[in-house]
Amino acid sequence: MDLVNFKLFTSGVRAVIVTALILLFCSCALFGCKSPTLEEASKKELLIYCGTTMAPAVRELADIFEQRENCVVKIIKDGSGSLYRSIQINQVGDLFLPGSESYIEKCQAEGTVVESSSIGFNRAVLLVAKGNPLNIIADLNNFTNGKYRTVLGASESGSIGRETKIILATEVSYRKAVEQVIFLATDSKDLVSTIKSNRADLTINWYAAAMRDNNSAAVDVLRLDEAIAPPHELILGLLKTSHYPMLAQRFMAVVGSDEGQSLLSRSGFGE
């Protein structure tokens, strides 16, 4: 098995694990992993599939929504590709927020998403260690010339991996860049971790990943020209499998409100 196929295999295994966890969650909901209180049993629940980069901000909004609606919001976070495959397999859940609009477009074409709303933007950037000690410049040839230790997102497991493949295939050589990497990471969180832990010098990631969890104290952003890395709309989709579509629509309204947009902007998802 060559390097690329091995890395794609590992991303597929991750999707299987996520699917197993979702099935476990559903089994607990049906058969009870513990005895819920009467109050807990009476609450409506929303299940949101959320890309890793957006999950902290969505959790904040979910906490607000739970208090207002007296409901429970559960979030399954992972790379967008893994979440997409899990939705297709499991056919359960209420909302889907991937890191790229392409996944929502696929779901709409397949009839999986029945309503959608634009809530912000994702944009790809280069990440380096704080202070840029190696004086790396925003040149995509740095992923193919072997000068630096590089890590990229796997194209099959997450939205940043898919975006990275598009950018590198257009500007340099994606295959050559993959041949140079230390490894392919599954999602944006893993990519940030490689820079923070000094396991890599350079990566491509979503801008918002550098803004969350105090990551800006450990990494610097090198911006790419918008002609190379254009902003991508973040689309929140209502799934046809939703048990509580009206409740899900109210959550969508909160995300799109001034309050929700302000939080998302602070998290790096504004225009």
C-alpha atoms as a PDB file:
ATOM      1  CA  MET A   1       0.000   0.000   0.000  1.00  0.00           C
ATOM      2  CA  ASP A   2       1.546   3.322  -1.076  1.00  0.00           C
ATOM      3  CA  LEU A   3       1.711   6.400   1.158  1.00  0.00           C
ATOM      4  CA  VAL A   4      -1.310   8.198  -0.294  1.00  0.00           C
ATOM      5  CA  ASN A   5      -3.568   5.111  -0.182  1.00  0.00           C
ATOM      6  CA  PHE A   6      -2.463   4.330   3.375  1.00  0.00           C
ATOM      7  CA  LYS A   7      -3.356   7.841   4.501  1.00  0.00           C
ATOM      8  CA  LEU A   8      -6.732   7.650   2.774  1.00  0.00           C
ATOM      9  CA  PHE A   9      -7.295   4.260   4.441  1.00  0.00           C
ATOM     10  CA  THR A  10      -6.676   5.744   7.883  1.00  0.00           C
ATOM     11  CA  SER A  11      -9.148   8.561   7.226  1.00  0.00           C
ATOM     12  CA  GLY A  12     -11.730   5.929   6.246  1.00  0.00           C
ATOM     13  CA  VAL A  13     -11.120   4.084   9.500  1.00  0.00           C
ATOM     14  CA  ARG A  14     -11.788   7.316  11.367  1.00  0.00           C
ATOM     15  CA  ALA A  15     -15.155   7.652   9.632  1.00  0.00           C
ATOM     16  CA  VAL A  16     -16.053   4.108  10.717  1.00  0.00           C
ATOM     17  CA  ILE A  17     -15.175   4.976  14.318  1.00  0.00           C
ATOM     18  CA  VAL A  18     -17.365   8.079  14.191  1.00  0.00           C
ATOM     19  CA  THR A  19     -20.206   5.994  12.790  1.00  0.00           C
ATOM     20  CA  ALA A  20     -19.809   3.495  15.627  1.00  0.00           C
ATOM     21  CA  LEU A  21     -19.964   6.293  18.197  1.00  0.00           C
ATOM     22  CA  ILE A  22     -23.124   7.675  16.622  1.00  0.00           C
ATOM     23  CA  LEU A  23     -24.721   4.230  16.686  1.00  0.00           C
ATOM     24  CA  LEU A  24     -23.765   3.923  20.346  1.00  0.00           C
ATOM     25  CA  PHE A  25     -25.331   7.317  21.037  1.00  0.00           C
ATOM     26  CA  CYS A  26     -28.536   6.276  19.265  1.00  0.00           C
ATOM     27  CA  SER A  27     -28.627   2.980  21.186  1.00  0.00           C
ATOM     28  CA  CYS A  28     -28.301   4.875  24.446  1.00  0.00           C
ATOM     29  CA  ALA A  29     -31.131   7.137  23.401  1.00  0.00           C
ATOM     30  CA  LEU A  30     -33.348   4.171  22.538  1.00  0.00           C
ATOM     31  CA  PHE A  31     -32.483   1.690  25.269  1.00  0.00           C
ATOM     32  CA  GLY A  32     -30.957   3.871  27.955  1.00  0.00           C
ATOM     33  CA  CYS A  33     -27.332   3.813  29.024  1.00  0.00           C
ATOM     34  CA  LYS A  34     -28.497   5.306  32.311  1.00  0.00           C
ATOM     35  CA  SER A  35     -31.846   6.115  33.851  1.00  0.00           C
ATOM     36  CA  PRO A  36     -32.770   9.692  32.890  1.00  0.00           C
ATOM     37  CA  THR A  37     -34.738  11.932  35.188  1.00  0.00           C
ATOM     38  CA  LEU A  38     -38.296  12.819  34.221  1.00  0.00           C
ATOM     39  CA  GLU A  39     -37.122  16.323  33.330  1.00  0.00           C
ATOM     40  CA  GLU A  40     -34.328  15.003  31.092  1.00  0.00           C
ATOM     41  CA  ALA A  41     -36.651  12.493  29.424  1.00  0.00           C
ATOM     42  CA  SER A  42     -39.158  15.239  28.583  1.00  0.00           C
ATOM     43  CA  LYS A  43     -36.634  17.532  26.883  1.00  0.00           C
ATOM     44  CA  LYS A  44     -36.368  17.652  23.132  1.00  0.00           C
ATOM     45  CA  GLU A  45     -32.913  16.947  21.711  1.00  0.00           C
ATOM     46  CA  LEU A  46     -31.092  18.275  18.689  1.00  0.00           C
ATOM     47  CA  LEU A  47     -28.156  16.400  17.170  1.00  0.00           C
ATOM     48  CA  ILE A  48     -25.733  18.574  15.213  1.00  0.00           C
ATOM     49  CA  TYR A  49     -22.934  17.285  12.982  1.00  0.00           C
ATOM     50  CA  CYS A  50     -20.302  20.016  13.151  1.00  0.00           C
ATOM     51  CA  GLY A  51     -16.902  20.442  11.530  1.00  0.00           C
ATOM     52  CA  THR A  52     -14.036  20.558  14.029  1.00  0.00           C
ATOM     53  CA  THR A  53     -13.105  24.194  13.408  1.00  0.00           C
ATOM     54  CA  MET A  54     -16.612  25.516  14.099  1.00  0.00           C
ATOM     55  CA  ALA A  55     -17.418  23.260  17.069  1.00  0.00           C
ATOM     56  CA  PRO A  56     -16.314  25.578  19.944  1.00  0.00           C
ATOM     57  CA  ALA A  57     -18.386  28.506  18.626  1.00  0.00           C
ATOM     58  CA  VAL A  58     -21.385  26.281  17.932  1.00  0.00           C
ATOM     59  CA  ARG A  59     -21.123  24.855  21.447  1.00  0.00           C
ATOM     60  CA  GLU A  60     -21.324  28.375  22.885  1.00  0.00           C
ATOM     61  CA  LEU A  61     -24.448  29.080  20.845  1.00  0.00           C
ATOM     62  CA  ALA A  62     -25.889  25.687  21.793  1.00  0.00           C
ATOM     63  CA  ASP A  63     -25.475  26.459  25.505  1.00  0.00           C
ATOM     64  CA  ILE A  64     -27.437  29.702  25.047  1.00  0.00           C
ATOM     65  CA  PHE A  65     -30.106  27.907  23.018  1.00  0.00           C
ATOM     66  CA  GLU A  66     -30.511  25.122  25.589  1.00  0.00           C
ATOM     67  CA  GLN A  67     -31.314  27.643  28.309  1.00  0.00           C
ATOM     68  CA  ARG A  68     -33.842  29.509  26.191  1.00  0.00           C
ATOM     69  CA  GLU A  69     -35.603  26.487  24.759  1.00  0.00           C
ATOM     70  CA  ASN A  70     -35.241  24.078  27.718  1.00  0.00           C
ATOM     71  CA  CYS A  71     -33.828  21.476  25.361  1.00  0.00           C
ATOM     72  CA  VAL A  72     -30.634  19.461  24.875  1.00  0.00           C
ATOM     73  CA  VAL A  73     -28.187  20.090  22.008  1.00  0.00           C
ATOM     74  CA  LYS A  74     -25.658  17.360  21.302  1.00  0.00           C
ATOM     75  CA  ILE A  75     -22.772  17.994  18.930  1.00  0.00           C
ATOM     76  CA  ILE A  76     -20.748  15.410  17.049  1.00  0.00           C
ATOM     77  CA  LYS A  77     -17.564  17.075  15.827  1.00  0.00           C
ATOM     78  CA  ASP A  78     -15.110  15.680  13.301  1.00  0.00           C
ATOM     79  CA  GLY A  79     -13.701  16.329   9.866  1.00  0.00           C
ATOM     80  CA  SER A  80     -16.467  17.307   7.447  1.00  0.00           C
ATOM     81  CA  GLY A  81     -15.860  14.360   5.131  1.00  0.00           C
ATOM     82  CA  SER A  82     -16.183  11.878   7.984  1.00  0.00           C
ATOM     83  CA  LEU A  83     -19.366  13.579   9.185  1.00  0.00           C
ATOM     84  CA  TYR A  84     -20.835  13.558   5.686  1.00  0.00           C
ATOM     85  CA  ARG A  85     -20.298   9.819   5.369  1.00  0.00           C
ATOM     86  CA  SER A  86     -21.760   9.234   8.831  1.00  0.00           C
ATOM     87  CA  ILE A  87     -24.914  11.160   7.911  1.00  0.00           C
ATOM     88  CA  GLN A  88     -25.349   9.057   4.783  1.00  0.00           C
ATOM     89  CA  ILE A  89     -24.898   5.813   6.693  1.00  0.00           C
ATOM     90  CA  ASN A  90     -26.848   6.538   9.877  1.00  0.00           C
ATOM     91  CA  GLN A  91     -29.739   8.634   8.576  1.00  0.00           C
ATOM     92  CA  VAL A  92     -30.219  10.366  11.929  1.00  0.00           C
ATOM     93  CA  GLY A  93     -29.639  13.918  13.139  1.00  0.00           C
ATOM     94  CA  ASP A  94     -31.020  17.425  12.807  1.00  0.00           C
ATOM     95  CA  LEU A  95     -28.357  19.834  11.516  1.00  0.00           C
ATOM     96  CA  PHE A  96     -25.108  19.701   9.544  1.00  0.00           C
ATOM     97  CA  LEU A  97     -22.405  22.392   9.576  1.00  0.00           C
ATOM     98  CA  PRO A  98     -19.372  21.373   7.485  1.00  0.00           C
ATOM     99  CA  GLY A  99     -16.321  23.535   6.885  1.00  0.00           C
ATOM    100  CA  SER A 100     -17.026  23.872   3.152  1.00  0.00           C
ATOM    101  CA  GLU A 101     -20.229  24.571   1.240  1.00  0.00           C
ATOM    102  CA  SER A 102     -19.456  21.695  -1.129  1.00  0.00           C
ATOM    103  CA  TYR A 103     -20.693  19.142   1.409  1.00  0.00           C
ATOM    104  CA  ILE A 104     -24.023  20.943   1.792  1.00  0.00           C
ATOM    105  CA  GLU A 105     -24.353  21.147  -1.989  1.00  0.00           C
ATOM    106  CA  LYS A 106     -23.874  17.374  -2.189  1.00  0.00           C
ATOM    107  CA  CYS A 107     -26.459  16.833   0.551  1.00  0.00           C
ATOM    108  CA  GLN A 108     -28.931  19.132  -1.205  1.00  0.00           C
ATOM    109  CA  ALA A 109     -28.463  17.247  -4.477  1.00  0.00           C
ATOM    110  CA  GLU A 110     -29.096  13.977  -2.642  1.00  0.00           C
ATOM    111  CA  GLY A 111     -32.091  15.345  -0.745  1.00  0.00           C
ATOM    112  CA  THR A 112     -30.396  14.931   2.645  1.00  0.00           C
ATOM    113  CA  VAL A 113     -30.502  18.676   3.421  1.00  0.00           C
ATOM    114  CA  VAL A 114     -33.932  20.273   2.991  1.00  0.00           C
ATOM    115  CA  GLU A 115     -33.168  23.827   4.135  1.00  0.00           C
ATOM    116  CA  SER A 116     -29.987  25.851   4.526  1.00  0.00           C
ATOM    117  CA  SER A 117     -28.663  29.182   5.753  1.00  0.00           C
ATOM    118  CA  SER A 118     -25.374  31.015   5.169  1.00  0.00           C
ATOM    119  CA  ILE A 119     -23.856  31.880   8.559  1.00  0.00           C
ATOM    120  CA  GLY A 120     -20.270  33.016   7.891  1.00  0.00           C
ATOM    121  CA  PHE A 121     -17.061  32.310   6.037  1.00  0.00           C
ATOM    122  CA  ASN A 122     -14.052  29.997   6.188  1.00  0.00           C
ATOM    123  CA  ARG A 123     -10.735  30.926   4.571  1.00  0.00           C
ATOM    124  CA  ALA A 124      -7.537  28.926   4.211  1.00  0.00           C
ATOM    125  CA  VAL A 125      -4.226  30.380   5.434  1.00  0.00           C
ATOM    126  CA  LEU A 126      -0.722  29.173   6.220  1.00  0.00           C
ATOM    127  CA  LEU A 127       0.174  28.547   9.860  1.00  0.00           C
ATOM    128  CA  VAL A 128       3.693  28.743  11.336  1.00  0.00           C
ATOM    129  CA  ALA A 129       5.097  28.880  14.859  1.00  0.00           C
ATOM    130  CA  LYS A 130       4.613  32.090  16.833  1.00  0.00           C
ATOM    131  CA  GLY A 131       7.079  34.747  15.722  1.00  0.00           C
ATOM    132  CA  ASN A 132       7.785  32.812  12.502  1.00  0.00           C
ATOM    133  CA  PRO A 133      11.309  31.843  13.670  1.00  0.00           C
ATOM    134  CA  LEU A 134      12.215  30.325  10.295  1.00  0.00           C
ATOM    135  CA  ASN A 135      11.092  33.448   8.396  1.00  0.00           C
ATOM    136  CA  ILE A 136       8.813  31.400   6.179  1.00  0.00           C
ATOM    137  CA  ILE A 137       7.025  33.359   3.447  1.00  0.00           C
ATOM    138  CA  ALA A 138       3.541  32.726   2.029  1.00  0.00           C
ATOM    139  CA  ASP A 139       4.804  30.710  -0.930  1.00  0.00           C
ATOM    140  CA  LEU A 140       3.080  27.418  -1.762  1.00  0.00           C
ATOM    141  CA  ASN A 141       6.320  26.091  -3.263  1.00  0.00           C
ATOM    142  CA  ASN A 142       7.434  25.606   0.340  1.00  0.00           C
ATOM    143  CA  PHE A 143       5.232  22.493   0.367  1.00  0.00           C
ATOM    144  CA  THR A 144       7.116  20.879  -2.508  1.00  0.00           C
ATOM    145  CA  ASN A 145      10.744  22.003  -2.180  1.00  0.00           C
ATOM    146  CA  GLY A 146      11.581  20.012   0.970  1.00  0.00           C
ATOM    147  CA  LYS A 147      12.913  23.024   2.897  1.00  0.00           C
ATOM    148  CA  TYR A 148      10.472  22.677   5.799  1.00  0.00           C
ATOM    149  CA  ARG A 149       8.683  20.048   7.831  1.00  0.00           C
ATOM    150  CA  THR A 150       5.131  20.121   6.512  1.00  0.00           C
ATOM    151  CA  VAL A 151       1.805  18.574   7.471  1.00  0.00           C
ATOM    152  CA  LEU A 152      -1.393  18.733   5.417  1.00  0.00           C
ATOM    153  CA  GLY A 153      -5.016  17.773   5.976  1.00  0.00           C
ATOM    154  CA  ALA A 154      -6.225  14.523   4.437  1.00  0.00           C
ATOM    155  CA  SER A 155      -8.532  15.349   1.527  1.00  0.00           C
ATOM    156  CA  GLU A 156     -11.007  12.570   2.361  1.00  0.00           C
ATOM    157  CA  SER A 157     -11.557  13.311   6.048  1.00  0.00           C
ATOM    158  CA  GLY A 158     -12.039  17.066   6.420  1.00  0.00           C
ATOM    159  CA  SER A 159     -12.968  20.270   4.644  1.00  0.00           C
ATOM    160  CA  ILE A 160      -9.507  21.791   5.092  1.00  0.00           C
ATOM    161  CA  GLY A 161      -7.968  18.734   3.458  1.00  0.00           C
ATOM    162  CA  ARG A 162     -10.273  19.101   0.472  1.00  0.00           C
ATOM    163  CA  GLU A 163      -9.533  22.826   0.222  1.00  0.00           C
ATOM    164  CA  THR A 164      -5.794  22.159   0.508  1.00  0.00           C
ATOM    165  CA  LYS A 165      -5.932  19.682  -2.354  1.00  0.00           C
ATOM    166  CA  ILE A 166      -7.717  22.223  -4.568  1.00  0.00           C
ATOM    167  CA  ILE A 167      -5.260  25.012  -3.732  1.00  0.00           C
ATOM    168  CA  LEU A 168      -2.101  22.957  -4.200  1.00  0.00           C
ATOM    169  CA  ALA A 169      -3.331  21.160  -7.319  1.00  0.00           C
ATOM    170  CA  THR A 170      -4.067  24.537  -8.909  1.00  0.00           C
ATOM    171  CA  GLU A 171      -0.891  26.363  -7.881  1.00  0.00           C
ATOM    172  CA  VAL A 172       1.857  23.721  -7.578  1.00  0.00           C
ATOM    173  CA  SER A 173       1.698  19.912  -7.376  1.00  0.00           C
ATOM    174  CA  TYR A 174      -0.608  18.292  -4.847  1.00  0.00           C
ATOM    175  CA  ARG A 175       0.965  14.842  -5.212  1.00  0.00           C
ATOM    176  CA  LYS A 176       4.462  16.203  -4.755  1.00  0.00           C
ATOM    177  CA  ALA A 177       3.305  18.133  -1.677  1.00  0.00           C
ATOM    178  CA  VAL A 178       1.796  14.959  -0.196  1.00  0.00           C
ATOM    179  CA  GLU A 179       5.044  13.103  -0.832  1.00  0.00           C
ATOM    180  CA  GLN A 180       6.894  15.732   1.229  1.00  0.00           C
ATOM    181  CA  VAL A 181       4.647  15.732   4.322  1.00  0.00           C
ATOM    182  CA  ILE A 182       5.478  14.142   7.648  1.00  0.00           C
ATOM    183  CA  PHE A 183       1.898  12.822   7.735  1.00  0.00           C
ATOM    184  CA  LEU A 184      -1.648  13.746   6.728  1.00  0.00           C
ATOM    185  CA  ALA A 185      -3.761  15.051   9.605  1.00  0.00           C
ATOM    186  CA  THR A 186      -7.465  14.318   9.944  1.00  0.00           C
ATOM    187  CA  ASP A 187      -8.797  17.782  10.800  1.00  0.00           C
ATOM    188  CA  SER A 188      -7.989  21.391  11.660  1.00  0.00           C
ATOM    189  CA  LYS A 189      -7.362  20.664  15.343  1.00  0.00           C
ATOM    190  CA  ASP A 190      -4.689  18.105  14.495  1.00  0.00           C
ATOM    191  CA  LEU A 191      -3.039  20.541  12.087  1.00  0.00           C
ATOM    192  CA  VAL A 192      -2.751  23.270  14.727  1.00  0.00           C
ATOM    193  CA  SER A 193      -1.382  20.742  17.212  1.00  0.00           C
ATOM    194  CA  THR A 194       1.522  19.840  14.922  1.00  0.00           C
ATOM    195  CA  ILE A 195       2.700  23.470  14.851  1.00  0.00           C
ATOM    196  CA  LYS A 196       2.130  24.068  18.574  1.00  0.00           C
ATOM    197  CA  SER A 197       4.087  20.926  19.501  1.00  0.00           C
ATOM    198  CA  ASN A 198       6.940  21.742  17.047  1.00  0.00           C
ATOM    199  CA  ARG A 199       6.348  18.585  15.035  1.00  0.00           C
ATOM    200  CA  ALA A 200       6.015  20.632  11.865  1.00  0.00           C
ATOM    201  CA  ASP A 201       7.094  24.036  10.576  1.00  0.00           C
ATOM    202  CA  LEU A 202       4.291  24.792   8.141  1.00  0.00           C
ATOM    203  CA  THR A 203       0.733  23.795   7.336  1.00  0.00           C
ATOM    204  CA  ILE A 204      -2.430  24.988   5.606  1.00  0.00           C
ATOM    205  CA  ASN A 205      -5.425  25.447   7.867  1.00  0.00           C
ATOM    206  CA  TRP A 206      -8.608  27.450   8.287  1.00  0.00           C
ATOM    207  CA  TYR A 207      -8.039  30.952   9.648  1.00  0.00           C
ATOM    208  CA  ALA A 208     -10.533  30.338  12.472  1.00  0.00           C
ATOM    209  CA  ALA A 209      -8.452  27.414  13.737  1.00  0.00           C
ATOM    210  CA  ALA A 210      -5.739  29.893  14.670  1.00  0.00           C
ATOM    211  CA  MET A 211      -8.256  31.998  16.600  1.00  0.00           C
ATOM    212  CA  ARG A 212      -9.780  29.365  18.882  1.00  0.00           C
ATOM    213  CA  ASP A 213      -8.536  27.868  22.160  1.00  0.00           C
ATOM    214  CA  ASN A 214      -5.906  30.616  22.539  1.00  0.00           C
ATOM    215  CA  ASN A 215      -4.060  29.145  19.546  1.00  0.00           C
ATOM    216  CA  SER A 216      -3.068  32.646  18.444  1.00  0.00           C
ATOM    217  CA  ALA A 217      -0.587  32.685  21.344  1.00  0.00           C
ATOM    218  CA  ALA A 218       1.286  29.763  19.762  1.00  0.00           C
ATOM    219  CA  VAL A 219       0.869  30.184  15.988  1.00  0.00           C
ATOM    220  CA  ASP A 220       1.103  32.961  13.416  1.00  0.00           C
ATOM    221  CA  VAL A 221      -1.010  33.322  10.292  1.00  0.00           C
ATOM    222  CA  LEU A 222       0.465  33.887   6.824  1.00  0.00           C
ATOM    223  CA  ARG A 223      -2.349  35.037   4.557  1.00  0.00           C
ATOM    224  CA  LEU A 224      -2.721  33.807   0.991  1.00  0.00           C
ATOM    225  CA  ASP A 225      -4.054  35.951  -1.822  1.00  0.00           C
ATOM    226  CA  GLU A 226      -7.828  35.569  -2.188  1.00  0.00           C
ATOM    227  CA  ALA A 227      -7.308  34.570  -5.808  1.00  0.00           C
ATOM    228  CA  ILE A 228      -5.482  31.500  -4.466  1.00  0.00           C
ATOM    229  CA  ALA A 229      -7.525  30.861  -1.317  1.00  0.00           C
ATOM    230  CA  PRO A 230     -10.941  32.539  -1.629  1.00  0.00           C
ATOM    231  CA  PRO A 231     -13.351  32.744   1.330  1.00  0.00           C
ATOM    232  CA  HIS A 232     -15.903  29.932   1.452  1.00  0.00           C
ATOM    233  CA  GLU A 233     -19.408  30.278   2.780  1.00  0.00           C
ATOM    234  CA  LEU A 234     -20.307  28.337   5.892  1.00  0.00           C
ATOM    235  CA  ILE A 235     -23.721  26.790   5.313  1.00  0.00           C
ATOM    236  CA  LEU A 236     -25.846  25.351   8.123  1.00  0.00           C
ATOM    237  CA  GLY A 237     -28.157  22.662   6.767  1.00  0.00           C
ATOM    238  CA  LEU A 238     -31.394  21.222   8.161  1.00  0.00           C
ATOM    239  CA  LEU A 239     -31.385  17.453   7.683  1.00  0.00           C
ATOM    240  CA  LYS A 240     -34.455  15.634   6.381  1.00  0.00           C
ATOM    241  CA  THR A 241     -34.044  13.165   9.266  1.00  0.00           C
ATOM    242  CA  SER A 242     -34.702  15.848  11.920  1.00  0.00           C
ATOM    243  CA  HIS A 243     -37.221  14.783  14.566  1.00  0.00           C
ATOM    244  CA  TYR A 244     -37.704  18.401  15.622  1.00  0.00           C
ATOM    245  CA  PRO A 245     -37.427  20.517  12.455  1.00  0.00           C
ATOM    246  CA  MET A 246     -39.120  23.572  13.989  1.00  0.00           C
ATOM    247  CA  LEU A 247     -36.709  23.502  16.936  1.00  0.00           C
ATOM    248  CA  ALA A 248     -33.818  23.096  14.515  1.00  0.00           C
ATOM    249  CA  GLN A 249     -35.072  26.075  12.510  1.00  0.00           C
ATOM    250  CA  ARG A 250     -35.117  28.175  15.679  1.00  0.00           C
ATOM    251  CA  PHE A 251     -31.499  27.209  16.320  1.00  0.00           C
ATOM    252  CA  MET A 252     -30.645  28.260  12.765  1.00  0.00           C
ATOM    253  CA  ALA A 253     -32.320  31.605  13.482  1.00  0.00           C
ATOM    254  CA  VAL A 254     -30.188  32.109  16.608  1.00  0.00           C
ATOM    255  CA  VAL A 255     -27.002  31.389  14.646  1.00  0.00           C
ATOM    256  CA  GLY A 256     -28.052  33.913  12.004  1.00  0.00           C
ATOM    257  CA  SER A 257     -29.057  36.582  14.517  1.00  0.00           C
ATOM    258  CA  ASP A 258     -26.914  39.590  15.441  1.00  0.00           C
ATOM    259  CA  GLU A 259     -25.926  37.774  18.621  1.00  0.00           C
ATOM    260  CA  GLY A 260     -24.893  34.643  16.755  1.00  0.00           C
ATOM    261  CA  GLN A 261     -23.081  36.538  14.024  1.00  0.00           C
ATOM    262  CA  SER A 262     -21.126  38.563  16.576  1.00  0.00           C
ATOM    263  CA  LEU A 263     -19.931  35.389  18.287  1.00  0.00           C
ATOM    264  CA  LEU A 264     -18.978  33.770  14.987  1.00  0.00           C
ATOM    265  CA  SER A 265     -17.109  36.874  13.880  1.00  0.00           C
ATOM    266  CA  ARG A 266     -15.076  36.885  17.115  1.00  0.00           C
ATOM    267  CA  SER A 267     -14.269  33.236  16.430  1.00  0.00           C
ATOM    268  CA  GLY A 268     -12.773  34.022  13.030  1.00  0.00           C
ATOM    269  CA  PHE A 269     -15.737  33.310  10.746  1.00  0.00           C
ATOM    270  CA  GLY A 270     -16.669  36.885   9.786  1.00  0.00           C
ATOM    271  CA  GLU A 271     -16.223  38.459   6.382  1.00  0.00           C
END
